[in-house]
Amino acid sequence: MANVPPPSDPWTYSLRLPNDPRAARISRATLRAVLSSHGMAELTDTAELLTCELVTNAVRHSDGPAQLRIRHLCENRLRVSIWDTNPTIPAPFDAPPSPLDRFTALTEAAANLDATSGRGLLIVRLCADNWGGYPLADDLFGINGKLLWFELTPQQDAYEIAA
């Protein structure tokens, strides 16, 4: 039987995605398999939703490929990032989140109840524990564009917190 690393060991998976509408579905299936294999299934529903939103934006707003990166960080955090070839970072991902961002995001959602599109980044802001974005300048390997990311942390029971 193969040795399975303990959940506290960091790991990273990357998936190159073509600019294709099926990329969101493929990224969800990949994410689901990774989280299930690493004992982080409780994050799957939220991680799939947020990943789908970011991959869909990458496909819609860039004309090149994208890349999904799934990382396990210290303290059992999950970071999912999406790189695409469009260098424009949409607001408010162009600045660090403020302590009041969830309140601001809820206010924006309430003001736009009838909106039928343009809510993907708002959903990320409401559901992620942390999020952000940064530009990628042209380097030796020709990587440019932007990277948008979010983090999720498993919820702890009140009993675990008190212990």
C-alpha atoms as a PDB file:
ATOM      1  CA  MET A   1       0.000   0.000   0.000  1.00  0.00           C
ATOM      2  CA  ALA A   2       1.322   3.452  -0.927  1.00  0.00           C
ATOM      3  CA  ASN A   3       2.258   5.906   1.782  1.00  0.00           C
ATOM      4  CA  VAL A   4      -0.257   8.721   1.995  1.00  0.00           C
ATOM      5  CA  PRO A   5       1.253  11.905   3.461  1.00  0.00           C
ATOM      6  CA  PRO A   6      -0.382  13.301   6.557  1.00  0.00           C
ATOM      7  CA  PRO A   7      -2.795  16.170   5.839  1.00  0.00           C
ATOM      8  CA  SER A   8      -0.425  18.717   7.401  1.00  0.00           C
ATOM      9  CA  ASP A   9       2.225  18.220   4.696  1.00  0.00           C
ATOM     10  CA  PRO A  10       2.007  20.907   1.990  1.00  0.00           C
ATOM     11  CA  TRP A  11       1.147  19.872  -1.551  1.00  0.00           C
ATOM     12  CA  THR A  12       0.385  21.559  -4.882  1.00  0.00           C
ATOM     13  CA  TYR A  13      -1.458  20.488  -8.030  1.00  0.00           C
ATOM     14  CA  SER A  14      -1.546  22.457 -11.285  1.00  0.00           C
ATOM     15  CA  LEU A  15      -3.763  22.044 -14.323  1.00  0.00           C
ATOM     16  CA  ARG A  16      -3.313  23.918 -17.594  1.00  0.00           C
ATOM     17  CA  LEU A  17      -6.698  24.879 -19.073  1.00  0.00           C
ATOM     18  CA  PRO A  18      -7.425  25.878 -22.662  1.00  0.00           C
ATOM     19  CA  ASN A  19      -9.646  28.882 -23.340  1.00  0.00           C
ATOM     20  CA  ASP A  20     -12.716  26.681 -23.576  1.00  0.00           C
ATOM     21  CA  PRO A  21     -16.114  26.837 -21.829  1.00  0.00           C
ATOM     22  CA  ARG A  22     -15.603  23.246 -20.591  1.00  0.00           C
ATOM     23  CA  ALA A  23     -12.597  24.378 -18.523  1.00  0.00           C
ATOM     24  CA  ALA A  24     -14.799  25.278 -15.518  1.00  0.00           C
ATOM     25  CA  ARG A  25     -16.343  21.783 -15.409  1.00  0.00           C
ATOM     26  CA  ILE A  26     -12.962  20.103 -15.744  1.00  0.00           C
ATOM     27  CA  SER A  27     -11.464  22.295 -13.023  1.00  0.00           C
ATOM     28  CA  ARG A  28     -14.344  21.404 -10.650  1.00  0.00           C
ATOM     29  CA  ALA A  29     -13.834  17.673 -11.237  1.00  0.00           C
ATOM     30  CA  THR A  30     -10.088  18.004 -10.669  1.00  0.00           C
ATOM     31  CA  LEU A  31     -10.584  20.031  -7.504  1.00  0.00           C
ATOM     32  CA  ARG A  32     -13.114  17.521  -6.159  1.00  0.00           C
ATOM     33  CA  ALA A  33     -10.689  14.628  -6.731  1.00  0.00           C
ATOM     34  CA  VAL A  34      -7.770  16.456  -5.089  1.00  0.00           C
ATOM     35  CA  LEU A  35      -9.721  17.528  -1.995  1.00  0.00           C
ATOM     36  CA  SER A  36     -11.265  14.082  -1.558  1.00  0.00           C
ATOM     37  CA  SER A  37      -7.862  12.407  -1.852  1.00  0.00           C
ATOM     38  CA  HIS A  38      -6.360  14.714   0.774  1.00  0.00           C
ATOM     39  CA  GLY A  39      -9.148  14.487   3.347  1.00  0.00           C
ATOM     40  CA  MET A  40     -10.419  18.024   2.741  1.00  0.00           C
ATOM     41  CA  ALA A  41     -13.824  17.068   1.329  1.00  0.00           C
ATOM     42  CA  GLU A  42     -15.632  19.490   3.658  1.00  0.00           C
ATOM     43  CA  LEU A  43     -14.250  22.356   1.571  1.00  0.00           C
ATOM     44  CA  THR A  44     -15.379  20.886  -1.747  1.00  0.00           C
ATOM     45  CA  ASP A  45     -18.717  22.654  -2.287  1.00  0.00           C
ATOM     46  CA  THR A  46     -17.414  26.147  -1.560  1.00  0.00           C
ATOM     47  CA  ALA A  47     -14.088  25.550  -3.333  1.00  0.00           C
ATOM     48  CA  GLU A  48     -15.879  24.248  -6.444  1.00  0.00           C
ATOM     49  CA  LEU A  49     -18.207  27.253  -6.579  1.00  0.00           C
ATOM     50  CA  LEU A  50     -15.397  29.793  -6.203  1.00  0.00           C
ATOM     51  CA  THR A  51     -13.069  27.954  -8.592  1.00  0.00           C
ATOM     52  CA  CYS A  52     -15.809  27.801 -11.200  1.00  0.00           C
ATOM     53  CA  GLU A  53     -16.365  31.559 -10.898  1.00  0.00           C
ATOM     54  CA  LEU A  54     -12.665  32.377 -11.344  1.00  0.00           C
ATOM     55  CA  VAL A  55     -12.130  29.912 -14.213  1.00  0.00           C
ATOM     56  CA  THR A  56     -15.246  31.194 -15.998  1.00  0.00           C
ATOM     57  CA  ASN A  57     -13.918  34.753 -15.692  1.00  0.00           C
ATOM     58  CA  ALA A  58     -10.530  33.644 -17.053  1.00  0.00           C
ATOM     59  CA  VAL A  59     -12.181  32.041 -20.085  1.00  0.00           C
ATOM     60  CA  ARG A  60     -14.518  34.990 -20.703  1.00  0.00           C
ATOM     61  CA  HIS A  61     -12.050  37.823 -20.188  1.00  0.00           C
ATOM     62  CA  SER A  62      -8.855  36.492 -21.759  1.00  0.00           C
ATOM     63  CA  ASP A  63      -8.026  35.012 -25.124  1.00  0.00           C
ATOM     64  CA  GLY A  64      -5.341  32.573 -24.036  1.00  0.00           C
ATOM     65  CA  PRO A  65      -4.983  29.578 -21.774  1.00  0.00           C
ATOM     66  CA  ALA A  66      -5.435  29.598 -18.010  1.00  0.00           C
ATOM     67  CA  GLN A  67      -3.911  27.585 -15.197  1.00  0.00           C
ATOM     68  CA  LEU A  68      -5.537  26.248 -12.049  1.00  0.00           C
ATOM     69  CA  ARG A  69      -3.315  25.763  -9.016  1.00  0.00           C
ATOM     70  CA  ILE A  70      -4.551  23.995  -5.879  1.00  0.00           C
ATOM     71  CA  ARG A  71      -2.300  24.312  -2.823  1.00  0.00           C
ATOM     72  CA  HIS A  72      -2.453  23.082   0.730  1.00  0.00           C
ATOM     73  CA  LEU A  73      -0.871  25.658   3.017  1.00  0.00           C
ATOM     74  CA  CYS A  74       0.112  25.567   6.664  1.00  0.00           C
ATOM     75  CA  GLU A  75      -2.650  25.489   9.267  1.00  0.00           C
ATOM     76  CA  ASN A  76      -4.748  23.321   6.921  1.00  0.00           C
ATOM     77  CA  ARG A  77      -5.604  26.229   4.602  1.00  0.00           C
ATOM     78  CA  LEU A  78      -6.453  25.676   0.966  1.00  0.00           C
ATOM     79  CA  ARG A  79      -5.400  28.211  -1.667  1.00  0.00           C
ATOM     80  CA  VAL A  80      -6.793  28.030  -5.175  1.00  0.00           C
ATOM     81  CA  SER A  81      -5.383  30.358  -7.796  1.00  0.00           C
ATOM     82  CA  ILE A  82      -6.206  30.964 -11.432  1.00  0.00           C
ATOM     83  CA  TRP A  83      -3.721  32.487 -13.842  1.00  0.00           C
ATOM     84  CA  ASP A  84      -4.855  33.907 -17.175  1.00  0.00           C
ATOM     85  CA  THR A  85      -3.319  36.012 -19.943  1.00  0.00           C
ATOM     86  CA  ASN A  86      -5.378  39.179 -19.359  1.00  0.00           C
ATOM     87  CA  PRO A  87      -3.231  41.594 -17.312  1.00  0.00           C
ATOM     88  CA  THR A  88      -6.184  43.639 -15.998  1.00  0.00           C
ATOM     89  CA  ILE A  89      -7.002  42.881 -12.372  1.00  0.00           C
ATOM     90  CA  PRO A  90     -10.661  43.612 -11.690  1.00  0.00           C
ATOM     91  CA  ALA A  91     -11.608  45.717  -8.686  1.00  0.00           C
ATOM     92  CA  PRO A  92     -11.584  45.040  -5.806  1.00  0.00           C
ATOM     93  CA  PHE A  93      -9.035  42.241  -6.374  1.00  0.00           C
ATOM     94  CA  ASP A  94      -6.486  44.909  -7.296  1.00  0.00           C
ATOM     95  CA  ALA A  95      -6.095  45.822  -3.591  1.00  0.00           C
ATOM     96  CA  PRO A  96      -5.945  43.768  -0.380  1.00  0.00           C
ATOM     97  CA  PRO A  97      -9.331  43.046   1.212  1.00  0.00           C
ATOM     98  CA  SER A  98     -10.306  45.436   3.963  1.00  0.00           C
ATOM     99  CA  PRO A  99     -11.672  44.294   7.332  1.00  0.00           C
ATOM    100  CA  LEU A 100     -15.099  45.590   6.223  1.00  0.00           C
ATOM    101  CA  ASP A 101     -15.071  43.882   2.815  1.00  0.00           C
ATOM    102  CA  ARG A 102     -17.692  41.255   3.678  1.00  0.00           C
ATOM    103  CA  PHE A 103     -20.037  44.029   4.791  1.00  0.00           C
ATOM    104  CA  THR A 104     -19.277  45.975   1.600  1.00  0.00           C
ATOM    105  CA  ALA A 105     -19.862  42.850  -0.513  1.00  0.00           C
ATOM    106  CA  LEU A 106     -23.186  42.172   1.226  1.00  0.00           C
ATOM    107  CA  THR A 107     -24.229  45.765   0.593  1.00  0.00           C
ATOM    108  CA  GLU A 108     -23.326  45.418  -3.102  1.00  0.00           C
ATOM    109  CA  ALA A 109     -25.257  42.154  -3.354  1.00  0.00           C
ATOM    110  CA  ALA A 110     -28.340  43.706  -1.751  1.00  0.00           C
ATOM    111  CA  ALA A 111     -28.157  46.692  -4.112  1.00  0.00           C
ATOM    112  CA  ASN A 112     -28.014  44.432  -7.188  1.00  0.00           C
ATOM    113  CA  LEU A 113     -30.642  41.787  -6.461  1.00  0.00           C
ATOM    114  CA  ASP A 114     -31.857  41.782 -10.064  1.00  0.00           C
ATOM    115  CA  ALA A 115     -28.418  41.327 -11.647  1.00  0.00           C
ATOM    116  CA  THR A 116     -28.159  38.257 -13.877  1.00  0.00           C
ATOM    117  CA  SER A 117     -24.395  38.382 -14.435  1.00  0.00           C
ATOM    118  CA  GLY A 118     -21.247  39.920 -13.013  1.00  0.00           C
ATOM    119  CA  ARG A 119     -21.537  38.357  -9.568  1.00  0.00           C
ATOM    120  CA  GLY A 120     -18.634  35.902  -9.665  1.00  0.00           C
ATOM    121  CA  LEU A 121     -16.063  37.999  -7.820  1.00  0.00           C
ATOM    122  CA  LEU A 122     -18.734  39.134  -5.386  1.00  0.00           C
ATOM    123  CA  ILE A 123     -19.427  35.477  -4.545  1.00  0.00           C
ATOM    124  CA  VAL A 124     -15.691  34.904  -4.005  1.00  0.00           C
ATOM    125  CA  ARG A 125     -15.530  37.900  -1.651  1.00  0.00           C
ATOM    126  CA  LEU A 126     -18.519  36.660   0.334  1.00  0.00           C
ATOM    127  CA  CYS A 127     -17.475  33.013   0.665  1.00  0.00           C
ATOM    128  CA  ALA A 128     -13.668  32.962   0.830  1.00  0.00           C
ATOM    129  CA  ASP A 129     -11.703  33.418   4.038  1.00  0.00           C
ATOM    130  CA  ASN A 130      -9.150  35.480   2.115  1.00  0.00           C
ATOM    131  CA  TRP A 131      -8.696  36.517  -1.528  1.00  0.00           C
ATOM    132  CA  GLY A 132      -6.589  38.690  -3.777  1.00  0.00           C
ATOM    133  CA  GLY A 133      -4.905  39.208  -7.088  1.00  0.00           C
ATOM    134  CA  TYR A 134      -1.679  40.441  -8.578  1.00  0.00           C
ATOM    135  CA  PRO A 135      -0.203  41.091 -12.006  1.00  0.00           C
ATOM    136  CA  LEU A 136       2.425  38.849 -13.529  1.00  0.00           C
ATOM    137  CA  ALA A 137       5.005  40.718 -15.595  1.00  0.00           C
ATOM    138  CA  ASP A 138       6.669  39.156 -18.592  1.00  0.00           C
ATOM    139  CA  ASP A 139       9.585  37.080 -17.342  1.00  0.00           C
ATOM    140  CA  LEU A 140      12.171  34.702 -18.792  1.00  0.00           C
ATOM    141  CA  PHE A 141       9.538  32.027 -19.330  1.00  0.00           C
ATOM    142  CA  GLY A 142       7.025  34.315 -21.051  1.00  0.00           C
ATOM    143  CA  ILE A 143       4.465  34.222 -18.235  1.00  0.00           C
ATOM    144  CA  ASN A 144       2.362  37.344 -18.052  1.00  0.00           C
ATOM    145  CA  GLY A 145      -1.206  38.232 -17.221  1.00  0.00           C
ATOM    146  CA  LYS A 146      -2.705  38.064 -13.750  1.00  0.00           C
ATOM    147  CA  LEU A 147      -3.313  35.676 -10.903  1.00  0.00           C
ATOM    148  CA  LEU A 148      -6.518  35.744  -8.837  1.00  0.00           C
ATOM    149  CA  TRP A 149      -6.703  33.550  -5.746  1.00  0.00           C
ATOM    150  CA  PHE A 150      -8.793  32.657  -2.727  1.00  0.00           C
ATOM    151  CA  GLU A 151      -8.227  30.749   0.497  1.00  0.00           C
ATOM    152  CA  LEU A 152     -10.524  28.538   2.528  1.00  0.00           C
ATOM    153  CA  THR A 153      -9.990  27.098   5.986  1.00  0.00           C
ATOM    154  CA  PRO A 154     -11.987  24.186   7.403  1.00  0.00           C
ATOM    155  CA  GLN A 155     -14.467  25.321  10.029  1.00  0.00           C
ATOM    156  CA  GLN A 156     -13.721  24.178  13.546  1.00  0.00           C
ATOM    157  CA  ASP A 157     -16.378  23.045  15.962  1.00  0.00           C
ATOM    158  CA  ALA A 158     -16.888  25.247  19.026  1.00  0.00           C
ATOM    159  CA  TYR A 159     -15.643  22.288  21.100  1.00  0.00           C
ATOM    160  CA  GLU A 160     -12.341  22.180  19.157  1.00  0.00           C
ATOM    161  CA  ILE A 161     -11.825  25.916  19.565  1.00  0.00           C
ATOM    162  CA  ALA A 162     -12.398  25.768  23.328  1.00  0.00           C
ATOM    163  CA  ALA A 163     -10.026  22.817  23.785  1.00  0.00           C
END
